[in-house]
């Protein structure tokens, strides 16, 4: 079940680094959901592989549409 996700959560050593694409990170390059509205083109490498919450992925310096997983 979904509870197992928490037990196996991976922590990335580059979490919190500034990024402009997920290729810059071990995980995904994430921005706040409303970052695109501000014209932001950088995000931060996700700290863990926990998929929950709201975020936008940054791909090639462009903020993708927001995604929420709960």
N, C-alpha and C. Protein backbone atom coordinates (compact mmCIF):
# COMPACT_ATOMS: atom_id res chain seq x y z
N UNK A 1 0.82 -1.21 0.00
CA UNK A 1 0.00 0.00 0.00
C UNK A 1 0.85 1.25 0.00
N UNK A 2 0.18 2.39 0.00
CA UNK A 2 0.89 3.66 -0.06
C UNK A 2 1.75 3.91 1.16
N UNK A 3 1.39 3.31 2.30
CA UNK A 3 2.20 3.47 3.50
C UNK A 3 3.62 2.98 3.31
N UNK A 4 3.81 2.01 2.42
CA UNK A 4 5.14 1.47 2.18
C UNK A 4 6.06 2.50 1.54
N UNK A 5 5.48 3.47 0.84
CA UNK A 5 6.28 4.48 0.16
C UNK A 5 7.18 5.20 1.16
N UNK A 6 6.63 5.50 2.34
CA UNK A 6 7.40 6.26 3.33
C UNK A 6 8.59 5.46 3.83
N UNK A 7 8.44 4.16 3.94
CA UNK A 7 9.54 3.34 4.47
C UNK A 7 10.71 3.28 3.49
N UNK A 8 10.41 3.37 2.20
CA UNK A 8 11.45 3.20 1.20
C UNK A 8 11.89 4.52 0.58
N UNK A 9 11.54 5.62 1.22
CA UNK A 9 11.83 6.93 0.64
C UNK A 9 13.33 7.13 0.46
N UNK A 10 13.70 7.58 -0.72
CA UNK A 10 15.09 7.86 -1.03
C UNK A 10 15.37 9.33 -0.74
N UNK A 11 16.49 9.62 -0.10
CA UNK A 11 16.93 11.00 0.10
C UNK A 11 18.07 11.28 -0.87
N UNK A 12 17.95 12.35 -1.63
CA UNK A 12 18.96 12.69 -2.63
C UNK A 12 20.01 13.62 -2.02
N UNK A 13 21.28 13.34 -2.35
CA UNK A 13 22.36 14.13 -1.76
C UNK A 13 22.41 15.54 -2.33
N UNK A 14 21.82 15.76 -3.52
CA UNK A 14 21.86 17.10 -4.11
C UNK A 14 20.56 17.85 -3.87
N UNK A 15 19.73 17.36 -2.97
CA UNK A 15 18.46 18.02 -2.68
C UNK A 15 18.66 19.47 -2.25
N UNK A 16 17.86 20.36 -2.80
CA UNK A 16 17.95 21.77 -2.47
C UNK A 16 18.83 22.57 -3.41
N UNK A 17 19.60 21.88 -4.26
CA UNK A 17 20.43 22.59 -5.23
C UNK A 17 19.55 23.31 -6.25
N UNK A 18 20.00 24.44 -6.74
CA UNK A 18 19.28 25.15 -7.80
C UNK A 18 19.45 24.38 -9.10
N UNK A 19 18.37 24.32 -9.88
CA UNK A 19 18.42 23.55 -11.12
C UNK A 19 17.53 24.23 -12.16
N UNK A 20 17.79 23.93 -13.43
CA UNK A 20 16.91 24.39 -14.49
C UNK A 20 16.32 23.22 -15.28
N UNK A 21 16.71 22.00 -14.91
CA UNK A 21 16.19 20.82 -15.59
C UNK A 21 16.42 19.63 -14.67
N UNK A 22 15.54 18.64 -14.77
CA UNK A 22 15.68 17.46 -13.91
C UNK A 22 16.97 16.69 -14.20
N UNK A 23 17.58 16.93 -15.37
CA UNK A 23 18.87 16.28 -15.65
C UNK A 23 19.97 16.83 -14.76
N UNK A 24 19.72 17.98 -14.12
CA UNK A 24 20.69 18.56 -13.18
C UNK A 24 20.65 17.86 -11.83
N UNK A 25 19.64 17.03 -11.59
CA UNK A 25 19.38 16.49 -10.25
C UNK A 25 19.33 14.97 -10.27
N UNK A 26 19.55 14.39 -9.10
CA UNK A 26 19.32 12.95 -8.96
C UNK A 26 17.83 12.66 -9.07
N UNK A 27 17.03 13.54 -8.48
CA UNK A 27 15.57 13.40 -8.58
C UNK A 27 15.04 14.36 -9.63
N UNK A 28 13.90 14.97 -9.34
CA UNK A 28 13.32 15.93 -10.26
C UNK A 28 13.68 17.34 -9.84
N UNK A 29 13.74 18.21 -10.82
CA UNK A 29 13.91 19.65 -10.57
C UNK A 29 12.51 20.21 -10.37
N UNK A 30 12.24 20.72 -9.18
CA UNK A 30 10.89 21.15 -8.83
C UNK A 30 10.84 22.64 -8.56
N UNK A 31 9.73 23.24 -8.94
CA UNK A 31 9.45 24.64 -8.61
C UNK A 31 8.10 24.69 -7.91
N UNK A 32 7.85 25.79 -7.22
CA UNK A 32 6.52 25.99 -6.65
C UNK A 32 5.50 26.00 -7.78
N UNK A 33 4.29 25.58 -7.47
CA UNK A 33 3.26 25.47 -8.49
C UNK A 33 3.03 26.81 -9.19
N UNK A 34 3.15 27.92 -8.46
CA UNK A 34 2.88 29.22 -9.08
C UNK A 34 4.15 29.89 -9.61
N UNK A 35 5.27 29.17 -9.66
CA UNK A 35 6.53 29.77 -10.11
C UNK A 35 6.44 30.25 -11.55
N UNK A 36 5.72 29.50 -12.39
CA UNK A 36 5.60 29.87 -13.79
C UNK A 36 4.93 31.21 -13.98
N UNK A 37 4.02 31.56 -13.07
CA UNK A 37 3.32 32.84 -13.15
C UNK A 37 4.28 34.00 -12.95
N UNK A 38 5.37 33.72 -12.23
CA UNK A 38 6.35 34.78 -11.95
C UNK A 38 7.46 34.79 -13.00
N UNK A 39 7.38 33.90 -13.97
CA UNK A 39 8.41 33.82 -14.99
C UNK A 39 9.68 33.15 -14.50
N UNK A 40 9.60 32.46 -13.37
CA UNK A 40 10.78 31.80 -12.81
C UNK A 40 11.21 30.66 -13.73
N UNK A 41 12.52 30.51 -13.92
CA UNK A 41 13.01 29.45 -14.77
C UNK A 41 13.97 28.53 -14.04
N UNK A 42 14.04 28.66 -12.73
CA UNK A 42 14.86 27.71 -11.97
C UNK A 42 14.04 27.14 -10.84
N UNK A 43 14.45 25.99 -10.40
CA UNK A 43 13.80 25.34 -9.28
C UNK A 43 14.86 24.80 -8.35
N UNK A 44 14.45 23.86 -7.51
CA UNK A 44 15.39 23.19 -6.62
C UNK A 44 15.26 21.70 -6.83
N UNK A 45 16.39 21.01 -6.72
CA UNK A 45 16.36 19.55 -6.77
C UNK A 45 15.56 19.05 -5.57
N UNK A 46 14.66 18.12 -5.84
CA UNK A 46 13.85 17.60 -4.74
C UNK A 46 14.75 16.89 -3.75
N UNK A 47 14.37 16.97 -2.47
CA UNK A 47 15.21 16.39 -1.42
C UNK A 47 14.99 14.89 -1.26
N UNK A 48 13.76 14.43 -1.55
CA UNK A 48 13.46 13.00 -1.47
C UNK A 48 12.59 12.62 -2.66
N UNK A 49 12.32 11.34 -2.80
CA UNK A 49 11.46 10.89 -3.88
C UNK A 49 9.99 10.82 -3.45
N UNK A 50 9.66 11.49 -2.35
CA UNK A 50 8.27 11.54 -1.90
C UNK A 50 7.45 12.28 -2.96
N UNK A 51 6.47 11.62 -3.58
CA UNK A 51 5.75 12.24 -4.70
C UNK A 51 4.62 13.17 -4.27
N UNK A 52 4.31 13.22 -2.98
CA UNK A 52 3.10 13.90 -2.56
C UNK A 52 3.27 15.40 -2.47
N UNK A 53 2.17 16.13 -2.58
CA UNK A 53 2.19 17.58 -2.51
C UNK A 53 1.97 18.19 -3.88
N UNK A 54 2.09 19.50 -3.95
CA UNK A 54 1.90 20.24 -5.20
C UNK A 54 3.24 20.82 -5.64
N UNK A 55 3.55 20.65 -6.88
CA UNK A 55 4.79 21.20 -7.42
C UNK A 55 4.71 21.23 -8.94
N UNK A 56 5.63 21.93 -9.54
CA UNK A 56 5.80 21.92 -10.99
C UNK A 56 7.20 21.42 -11.27
N UNK A 57 7.34 20.63 -12.31
CA UNK A 57 8.67 20.21 -12.72
C UNK A 57 9.25 21.28 -13.64
N UNK A 58 10.56 21.51 -13.52
CA UNK A 58 11.23 22.45 -14.41
C UNK A 58 11.98 21.64 -15.45
N UNK A 59 11.68 21.90 -16.73
CA UNK A 59 12.30 21.18 -17.84
C UNK A 59 12.91 22.20 -18.79
N UNK A 60 14.21 22.11 -18.99
CA UNK A 60 14.93 23.01 -19.90
C UNK A 60 14.61 24.47 -19.60
N UNK A 61 14.57 24.82 -18.30
CA UNK A 61 14.37 26.20 -17.90
C UNK A 61 12.94 26.68 -18.00
N UNK A 62 11.99 25.77 -18.30
CA UNK A 62 10.60 26.16 -18.38
C UNK A 62 9.79 25.41 -17.32
N UNK A 63 8.98 26.16 -16.59
CA UNK A 63 8.15 25.55 -15.56
C UNK A 63 6.94 24.88 -16.22
N UNK A 64 6.77 23.60 -15.94
CA UNK A 64 5.68 22.83 -16.52
C UNK A 64 4.40 23.08 -15.73
N UNK A 65 3.24 22.68 -16.27
CA UNK A 65 2.00 22.87 -15.52
C UNK A 65 2.06 22.20 -14.15
N UNK A 66 1.43 22.82 -13.18
CA UNK A 66 1.46 22.31 -11.81
C UNK A 66 0.79 20.96 -11.68
N UNK A 67 1.26 20.20 -10.69
CA UNK A 67 0.78 18.85 -10.44
C UNK A 67 0.59 18.70 -8.95
N UNK A 68 -0.54 18.14 -8.55
CA UNK A 68 -0.78 17.87 -7.13
C UNK A 68 -1.07 16.40 -6.93
N UNK A 69 -0.35 15.77 -6.01
CA UNK A 69 -0.55 14.36 -5.67
C UNK A 69 -0.78 14.28 -4.18
N UNK A 70 -1.92 13.71 -3.78
CA UNK A 70 -2.17 13.59 -2.34
C UNK A 70 -2.54 12.18 -1.98
